């Protein structure tokens, strides 16, 4: 059996299937599971909409209270987006996912390297969108 026959069988199998449940990107943005950062991402040079998982936004972008005197969420988000852009440029157009690292200061005088993953895939209307998450969060 060749690959085309298998693909046809899979499509035929699900052809009349009822969708039990779907959760769209728009719903995830509305619910707060994803945070849209597209306006700043566009300023940073991204052509596609960019969203972060709520966990990435809360743990990486929003600085802890004790560091808010010298850091803010816009600066940390700008750093995250620039590190993503740099990693994506190094990788080129070969992959739909990339991992990258950001350096954050969650305690005064102490920095931490955090590994993140970005995925470029189809949005609700099959348009390209980028989602940034922790590895294993997909």
N, C-alpha and C. Protein backbone atom coordinates (compact mmCIF):
# COMPACT_ATOMS: atom_id res chain seq x y z
N UNK A 1 0.85 -1.18 0.00
CA UNK A 1 0.00 0.00 0.00
C UNK A 1 0.89 1.24 0.00
N UNK A 2 0.62 2.17 -0.88
CA UNK A 2 1.45 3.36 -0.93
C UNK A 2 0.86 4.49 -0.07
N UNK A 3 1.64 5.54 0.10
CA UNK A 3 1.26 6.65 0.98
C UNK A 3 -0.01 7.35 0.52
N UNK A 4 -0.20 7.51 -0.77
CA UNK A 4 -1.41 8.17 -1.28
C UNK A 4 -2.66 7.40 -0.92
N UNK A 5 -2.59 6.08 -0.99
CA UNK A 5 -3.75 5.26 -0.60
C UNK A 5 -4.06 5.40 0.89
N UNK A 6 -3.02 5.45 1.70
CA UNK A 6 -3.21 5.62 3.14
C UNK A 6 -3.85 6.97 3.43
N UNK A 7 -3.34 8.03 2.79
CA UNK A 7 -3.91 9.37 2.98
C UNK A 7 -5.38 9.40 2.58
N UNK A 8 -5.72 8.75 1.48
CA UNK A 8 -7.11 8.72 1.02
C UNK A 8 -7.99 7.98 2.02
N UNK A 9 -7.49 6.87 2.54
CA UNK A 9 -8.27 6.10 3.52
C UNK A 9 -8.51 6.91 4.79
N UNK A 10 -7.50 7.64 5.24
CA UNK A 10 -7.66 8.47 6.44
C UNK A 10 -8.68 9.56 6.19
N UNK A 11 -8.57 10.26 5.06
CA UNK A 11 -9.54 11.30 4.73
C UNK A 11 -10.94 10.74 4.62
N UNK A 12 -11.09 9.58 3.97
CA UNK A 12 -12.41 8.95 3.83
C UNK A 12 -12.97 8.53 5.19
N UNK A 13 -12.10 8.06 6.08
CA UNK A 13 -12.53 7.61 7.39
C UNK A 13 -13.17 8.75 8.20
N UNK A 14 -12.58 9.95 8.11
CA UNK A 14 -13.07 11.09 8.88
C UNK A 14 -14.04 11.98 8.10
N UNK A 15 -14.34 11.60 6.87
CA UNK A 15 -15.15 12.43 5.98
C UNK A 15 -16.48 12.83 6.59
N UNK A 16 -17.22 11.91 7.15
CA UNK A 16 -18.54 12.20 7.71
C UNK A 16 -18.55 12.21 9.23
N UNK A 17 -17.39 12.28 9.83
CA UNK A 17 -17.30 12.25 11.29
C UNK A 17 -17.80 13.56 11.88
N UNK A 18 -18.47 13.46 13.01
CA UNK A 18 -18.92 14.64 13.74
C UNK A 18 -17.76 15.16 14.58
N UNK A 19 -17.62 16.47 14.60
CA UNK A 19 -16.61 17.08 15.45
C UNK A 19 -17.18 17.11 16.86
N UNK A 20 -16.49 16.48 17.78
CA UNK A 20 -16.96 16.42 19.16
C UNK A 20 -16.67 17.75 19.85
N UNK A 21 -15.46 18.27 19.66
CA UNK A 21 -15.09 19.51 20.31
C UNK A 21 -13.89 20.11 19.58
N UNK A 22 -13.90 21.41 19.44
CA UNK A 22 -12.73 22.10 18.92
C UNK A 22 -12.50 23.36 19.75
N UNK A 23 -11.26 23.72 19.89
CA UNK A 23 -10.87 24.89 20.67
C UNK A 23 -10.01 25.74 19.76
N UNK A 24 -10.51 26.87 19.34
CA UNK A 24 -9.82 27.68 18.35
C UNK A 24 -8.79 28.59 19.00
N UNK A 25 -7.91 29.11 18.19
CA UNK A 25 -6.92 30.08 18.67
C UNK A 25 -7.64 31.32 19.19
N UNK A 26 -8.69 31.74 18.49
CA UNK A 26 -9.45 32.91 18.93
C UNK A 26 -10.03 32.68 20.32
N UNK A 27 -10.53 31.48 20.57
CA UNK A 27 -11.07 31.17 21.91
C UNK A 27 -9.95 31.18 22.95
N UNK A 28 -8.80 30.64 22.60
CA UNK A 28 -7.67 30.63 23.53
C UNK A 28 -7.23 32.04 23.87
N UNK A 29 -7.24 32.93 22.89
CA UNK A 29 -6.90 34.34 23.14
C UNK A 29 -7.96 35.00 24.02
N UNK A 30 -9.21 34.72 23.72
CA UNK A 30 -10.31 35.30 24.50
C UNK A 30 -10.31 34.78 25.94
N UNK A 31 -10.01 33.50 26.12
CA UNK A 31 -9.99 32.89 27.46
C UNK A 31 -8.75 33.27 28.27
N UNK A 32 -7.72 33.78 27.61
CA UNK A 32 -6.48 34.12 28.32
C UNK A 32 -5.48 32.99 28.33
N UNK A 33 -5.77 31.88 27.66
CA UNK A 33 -4.79 30.79 27.57
C UNK A 33 -3.61 31.21 26.70
N UNK A 34 -3.88 32.11 25.75
CA UNK A 34 -2.84 32.72 24.92
C UNK A 34 -2.92 34.24 25.10
N UNK A 35 -1.77 34.90 25.02
CA UNK A 35 -1.70 36.35 25.13
C UNK A 35 -1.16 36.88 23.81
N UNK A 36 -1.94 37.72 23.15
CA UNK A 36 -1.55 38.29 21.86
C UNK A 36 -0.51 39.38 22.08
N UNK A 37 0.66 39.22 21.47
CA UNK A 37 1.72 40.23 21.57
C UNK A 37 2.07 40.75 20.17
N UNK A 38 1.14 40.61 19.25
CA UNK A 38 1.39 40.95 17.85
C UNK A 38 1.80 42.40 17.61
N UNK A 39 1.19 43.39 18.29
CA UNK A 39 1.61 44.77 18.01
C UNK A 39 3.11 45.01 18.27
N UNK A 40 3.62 44.55 19.40
CA UNK A 40 5.05 44.73 19.67
C UNK A 40 5.88 43.82 18.77
N UNK A 41 5.38 42.61 18.49
CA UNK A 41 6.10 41.70 17.59
C UNK A 41 6.25 42.32 16.21
N UNK A 42 5.22 43.02 15.76
CA UNK A 42 5.28 43.68 14.45
C UNK A 42 6.37 44.76 14.46
N UNK A 43 6.44 45.52 15.56
CA UNK A 43 7.50 46.53 15.68
C UNK A 43 8.87 45.89 15.68
N UNK A 44 8.95 44.66 16.17
CA UNK A 44 10.21 43.93 16.25
C UNK A 44 10.58 43.27 14.92
N UNK A 45 9.65 43.30 13.95
CA UNK A 45 9.97 42.78 12.63
C UNK A 45 9.21 41.52 12.22
N UNK A 46 8.31 41.03 13.06
CA UNK A 46 7.54 39.83 12.71
C UNK A 46 6.42 40.19 11.74
N UNK A 47 6.21 39.33 10.77
CA UNK A 47 5.16 39.54 9.77
C UNK A 47 3.87 38.82 10.14
N UNK A 48 3.97 37.81 11.01
CA UNK A 48 2.80 37.00 11.39
C UNK A 48 2.38 37.35 12.81
N UNK A 49 1.11 37.11 13.14
CA UNK A 49 0.66 37.31 14.52
C UNK A 49 1.45 36.41 15.48
N UNK A 50 1.75 36.95 16.66
CA UNK A 50 2.51 36.21 17.66
C UNK A 50 1.72 36.21 18.97
N UNK A 51 1.63 35.04 19.59
CA UNK A 51 0.99 34.90 20.89
C UNK A 51 1.88 34.07 21.80
N UNK A 52 1.81 34.35 23.08
CA UNK A 52 2.53 33.59 24.09
C UNK A 52 1.51 32.80 24.91
N UNK A 53 1.92 31.65 25.40
CA UNK A 53 1.04 30.96 26.33
C UNK A 53 0.97 31.81 27.60
N UNK A 54 -0.11 31.65 28.34
CA UNK A 54 -0.28 32.41 29.57
C UNK A 54 0.86 32.12 30.55
N UNK A 55 1.34 30.89 30.54
CA UNK A 55 2.45 30.52 31.42
C UNK A 55 3.73 31.28 31.06
N UNK A 56 4.05 31.35 29.77
CA UNK A 56 5.24 32.10 29.34
C UNK A 56 5.08 33.57 29.71
N UNK A 57 3.90 34.11 29.46
CA UNK A 57 3.68 35.52 29.77
C UNK A 57 3.86 35.77 31.27
N UNK A 58 3.27 34.90 32.09
CA UNK A 58 3.34 35.10 33.53
C UNK A 58 4.69 34.81 34.15
N UNK A 59 5.42 33.83 33.63
CA UNK A 59 6.68 33.43 34.23
C UNK A 59 7.91 34.09 33.62
N UNK A 60 7.79 34.54 32.37
CA UNK A 60 8.96 35.11 31.69
C UNK A 60 8.81 36.61 31.46
N UNK A 61 7.65 37.03 31.00
CA UNK A 61 7.47 38.44 30.61
C UNK A 61 7.20 39.33 31.82
N UNK A 62 6.31 38.93 32.69
CA UNK A 62 5.97 39.78 33.85
C UNK A 62 7.05 39.61 34.92
N UNK A 63 7.76 40.69 35.23
CA UNK A 63 8.83 40.56 36.22
C UNK A 63 8.27 40.43 37.64
N UNK A 64 8.98 39.70 38.49
CA UNK A 64 8.56 39.61 39.90
C UNK A 64 8.55 41.01 40.54
N UNK A 65 7.74 41.18 41.55
CA UNK A 65 7.58 42.49 42.20
C UNK A 65 8.91 43.07 42.65
N UNK A 66 9.80 42.22 43.19
CA UNK A 66 11.07 42.73 43.72
C UNK A 66 12.02 43.24 42.64
N UNK A 67 11.77 42.91 41.37
CA UNK A 67 12.64 43.39 40.29
C UNK A 67 11.96 44.47 39.44
N UNK A 68 10.74 44.85 39.78
CA UNK A 68 10.00 45.80 38.95
C UNK A 68 10.55 47.22 39.00
N UNK A 69 11.47 47.51 39.90
CA UNK A 69 12.04 48.85 39.95
C UNK A 69 13.00 49.09 38.79
N UNK A 70 13.59 48.02 38.23
CA UNK A 70 14.52 48.19 37.12
C UNK A 70 14.15 47.37 35.88
N UNK A 71 13.00 46.70 35.91
CA UNK A 71 12.54 45.93 34.76
C UNK A 71 11.05 46.18 34.56
N UNK A 72 10.60 46.03 33.32
CA UNK A 72 9.16 46.07 33.08
C UNK A 72 8.80 45.00 32.05
N UNK A 73 7.50 44.73 31.94
CA UNK A 73 7.06 43.67 31.06
C UNK A 73 7.32 43.97 29.59
N UNK A 74 7.24 45.23 29.19
CA UNK A 74 7.51 45.58 27.78
C UNK A 74 8.97 45.30 27.43
N UNK A 75 9.89 45.66 28.31
CA UNK A 75 11.31 45.41 28.06
C UNK A 75 11.62 43.92 28.00
N UNK A 76 11.01 43.15 28.90
CA UNK A 76 11.26 41.71 28.90
C UNK A 76 10.63 41.06 27.68
N UNK A 77 9.46 41.53 27.27
CA UNK A 77 8.82 41.01 26.05
C UNK A 77 9.66 41.37 24.83
N UNK A 78 10.16 42.59 24.76
CA UNK A 78 11.02 43.01 23.65
C UNK A 78 12.24 42.10 23.55
N UNK A 79 12.86 41.80 24.70
CA UNK A 79 14.02 40.90 24.71
C UNK A 79 13.64 39.51 24.20
N UNK A 80 12.52 38.98 24.68
CA UNK A 80 12.05 37.65 24.25
C UNK A 80 11.85 37.63 22.73
N UNK A 81 11.17 38.63 22.21
CA UNK A 81 10.89 38.68 20.77
C UNK A 81 12.16 38.80 19.95
N UNK A 82 13.12 39.57 20.42
CA UNK A 82 14.39 39.69 19.70
C UNK A 82 15.19 38.40 19.72
N UNK A 83 15.16 37.69 20.82
CA UNK A 83 15.86 36.40 20.87
C UNK A 83 15.18 35.39 19.94
N UNK A 84 13.85 35.42 19.89
CA UNK A 84 13.13 34.55 18.95
C UNK A 84 13.46 34.91 17.51
N UNK A 85 13.45 36.18 17.20
CA UNK A 85 13.76 36.61 15.83
C UNK A 85 15.17 36.18 15.44
N UNK A 86 16.11 36.33 16.35
CA UNK A 86 17.49 35.92 16.08
C UNK A 86 17.58 34.41 15.84
N UNK A 87 16.91 33.63 16.66
CA UNK A 87 16.94 32.16 16.50
C UNK A 87 16.28 31.76 15.19
N UNK A 88 15.18 32.41 14.84
CA UNK A 88 14.47 32.08 13.59
C UNK A 88 15.33 32.43 12.38
N UNK A 89 16.03 33.54 12.45
CA UNK A 89 16.91 33.92 11.32
C UNK A 89 18.05 32.94 11.15
N UNK A 90 18.62 32.49 12.26
CA UNK A 90 19.71 31.51 12.18
C UNK A 90 19.23 30.21 11.55
N UNK A 91 18.02 29.83 11.92
CA UNK A 91 17.45 28.57 11.44
C UNK A 91 16.98 28.68 10.00
N UNK A 92 16.58 29.85 9.57
CA UNK A 92 16.06 30.04 8.22
C UNK A 92 14.64 29.52 8.11
N UNK A 93 14.20 29.24 6.93
CA UNK A 93 12.83 28.78 6.68
C UNK A 93 12.72 27.27 6.64
N UNK A 94 13.66 26.58 7.25
CA UNK A 94 13.69 25.12 7.13
C UNK A 94 12.71 24.41 8.07
N UNK A 95 12.37 25.00 9.18
CA UNK A 95 11.56 24.32 10.18
C UNK A 95 10.39 25.18 10.62
N UNK A 96 9.34 24.52 11.10
CA UNK A 96 8.19 25.27 11.61
C UNK A 96 8.29 25.48 13.12
N UNK A 97 9.29 24.87 13.77
CA UNK A 97 9.51 25.07 15.19
C UNK A 97 10.96 25.42 15.44
N UNK A 98 11.16 26.22 16.47
CA UNK A 98 12.52 26.55 16.88
C UNK A 98 12.55 26.70 18.39
N UNK A 99 13.65 26.32 18.99
CA UNK A 99 13.84 26.58 20.41
C UNK A 99 14.84 27.73 20.53
N UNK A 100 14.69 28.48 21.59
CA UNK A 100 15.58 29.61 21.83
C UNK A 100 15.64 29.86 23.32
N UNK A 101 16.61 30.66 23.72
CA UNK A 101 16.78 30.95 25.14
C UNK A 101 16.71 32.44 25.40
N UNK A 102 16.17 32.77 26.56
CA UNK A 102 16.15 34.16 27.02
C UNK A 102 16.77 34.19 28.40
N UNK A 103 17.41 35.28 28.70
CA UNK A 103 18.04 35.49 29.99
C UNK A 103 17.15 36.45 30.77
N UNK A 104 16.68 36.04 31.93
CA UNK A 104 15.82 36.89 32.74
C UNK A 104 16.40 37.04 34.14
N UNK A 105 16.03 38.12 34.76
CA UNK A 105 16.45 38.37 36.13
C UNK A 105 15.20 38.34 37.01
N UNK A 106 15.04 37.25 37.73
CA UNK A 106 13.88 37.10 38.61
C UNK A 106 14.19 37.45 40.05
N UNK A 107 15.46 37.58 40.37
CA UNK A 107 15.90 38.03 41.68
C UNK A 107 16.97 39.08 41.44
N UNK A 108 17.00 40.13 42.27
CA UNK A 108 18.04 41.15 42.09
C UNK A 108 19.43 40.53 42.06
N UNK A 109 20.18 40.83 41.02
CA UNK A 109 21.55 40.35 40.89
C UNK A 109 21.71 38.91 40.44
N UNK A 110 20.60 38.22 40.14
CA UNK A 110 20.70 36.82 39.74
C UNK A 110 19.94 36.60 38.43
N UNK A 111 20.63 36.11 37.40
CA UNK A 111 19.98 35.86 36.11
C UNK A 111 19.76 34.36 35.92
N UNK A 112 18.80 34.07 35.07
CA UNK A 112 18.44 32.69 34.79
C UNK A 112 18.21 32.55 33.28
N UNK A 113 18.69 31.47 32.71
CA UNK A 113 18.45 31.19 31.30
C UNK A 113 17.22 30.30 31.18
N UNK A 114 16.27 30.73 30.38
CA UNK A 114 15.03 29.99 30.19
C UNK A 114 14.93 29.57 28.73
N UNK A 115 14.65 28.30 28.49
CA UNK A 115 14.47 27.78 27.14
C UNK A 115 13.00 27.81 26.78
N UNK A 116 12.71 28.34 25.61
CA UNK A 116 11.35 28.43 25.08
C UNK A 116 11.30 27.79 23.70
N UNK A 117 10.10 27.54 23.25
CA UNK A 117 9.88 26.97 21.92
C UNK A 117 8.87 27.84 21.20
N UNK A 118 9.10 28.08 19.92
CA UNK A 118 8.15 28.81 19.09
C UNK A 118 7.73 27.90 17.95
N UNK A 119 6.44 27.93 17.67
CA UNK A 119 5.89 27.12 16.59
C UNK A 119 5.15 28.03 15.62
N UNK A 120 5.44 27.87 14.34
CA UNK A 120 4.72 28.60 13.31
C UNK A 120 3.83 27.60 12.59
N UNK A 121 2.54 27.85 12.65
CA UNK A 121 1.59 26.92 12.05
C UNK A 121 0.34 27.64 11.62
N UNK A 122 -0.66 26.89 11.22
CA UNK A 122 -1.89 27.51 10.74
C UNK A 122 -2.77 28.01 11.89
N UNK A 123 -3.33 29.19 11.69
CA UNK A 123 -4.30 29.73 12.64
C UNK A 123 -5.68 29.21 12.33
N UNK A 124 -6.69 29.84 12.88
CA UNK A 124 -8.07 29.39 12.72
C UNK A 124 -8.54 29.39 11.27
N UNK A 125 -7.95 30.26 10.46
CA UNK A 125 -8.34 30.36 9.05
C UNK A 125 -7.18 29.96 8.14
N UNK A 126 -6.32 29.10 8.66
CA UNK A 126 -5.15 28.55 7.97
C UNK A 126 -4.08 29.58 7.63
N UNK A 127 -4.16 30.76 8.26
CA UNK A 127 -3.13 31.78 8.10
C UNK A 127 -1.94 31.43 9.00
N UNK A 128 -0.72 31.84 8.63
CA UNK A 128 0.43 31.53 9.48
C UNK A 128 0.38 32.35 10.78
N UNK A 129 0.61 31.68 11.90
CA UNK A 129 0.67 32.33 13.21
C UNK A 129 1.81 31.71 14.00
N UNK A 130 2.34 32.46 14.94
CA UNK A 130 3.44 31.99 15.77
C UNK A 130 2.96 31.91 17.22
N UNK A 131 3.29 30.79 17.86
CA UNK A 131 2.95 30.62 19.27
C UNK A 131 4.22 30.29 20.03
N UNK A 132 4.47 31.02 21.11
CA UNK A 132 5.65 30.82 21.95
C UNK A 132 5.19 30.12 23.23
N UNK A 133 5.92 29.05 23.59
CA UNK A 133 5.54 28.24 24.75
C UNK A 133 6.78 27.66 25.39
N UNK A 134 6.60 27.05 26.54
CA UNK A 134 7.67 26.26 27.13
C UNK A 134 7.73 24.93 26.39
N UNK A 135 8.91 24.32 26.26
CA UNK A 135 8.98 22.99 25.65
C UNK A 135 8.05 22.03 26.41
N UNK A 136 7.32 21.26 25.70
CA UNK A 136 6.39 20.32 26.31
C UNK A 136 5.03 20.91 26.61
N UNK A 137 4.84 22.18 26.33
CA UNK A 137 3.56 22.83 26.61
C UNK A 137 2.54 22.63 25.50
N UNK A 138 2.96 22.13 24.36
CA UNK A 138 2.03 21.95 23.25
C UNK A 138 1.16 20.80 23.54
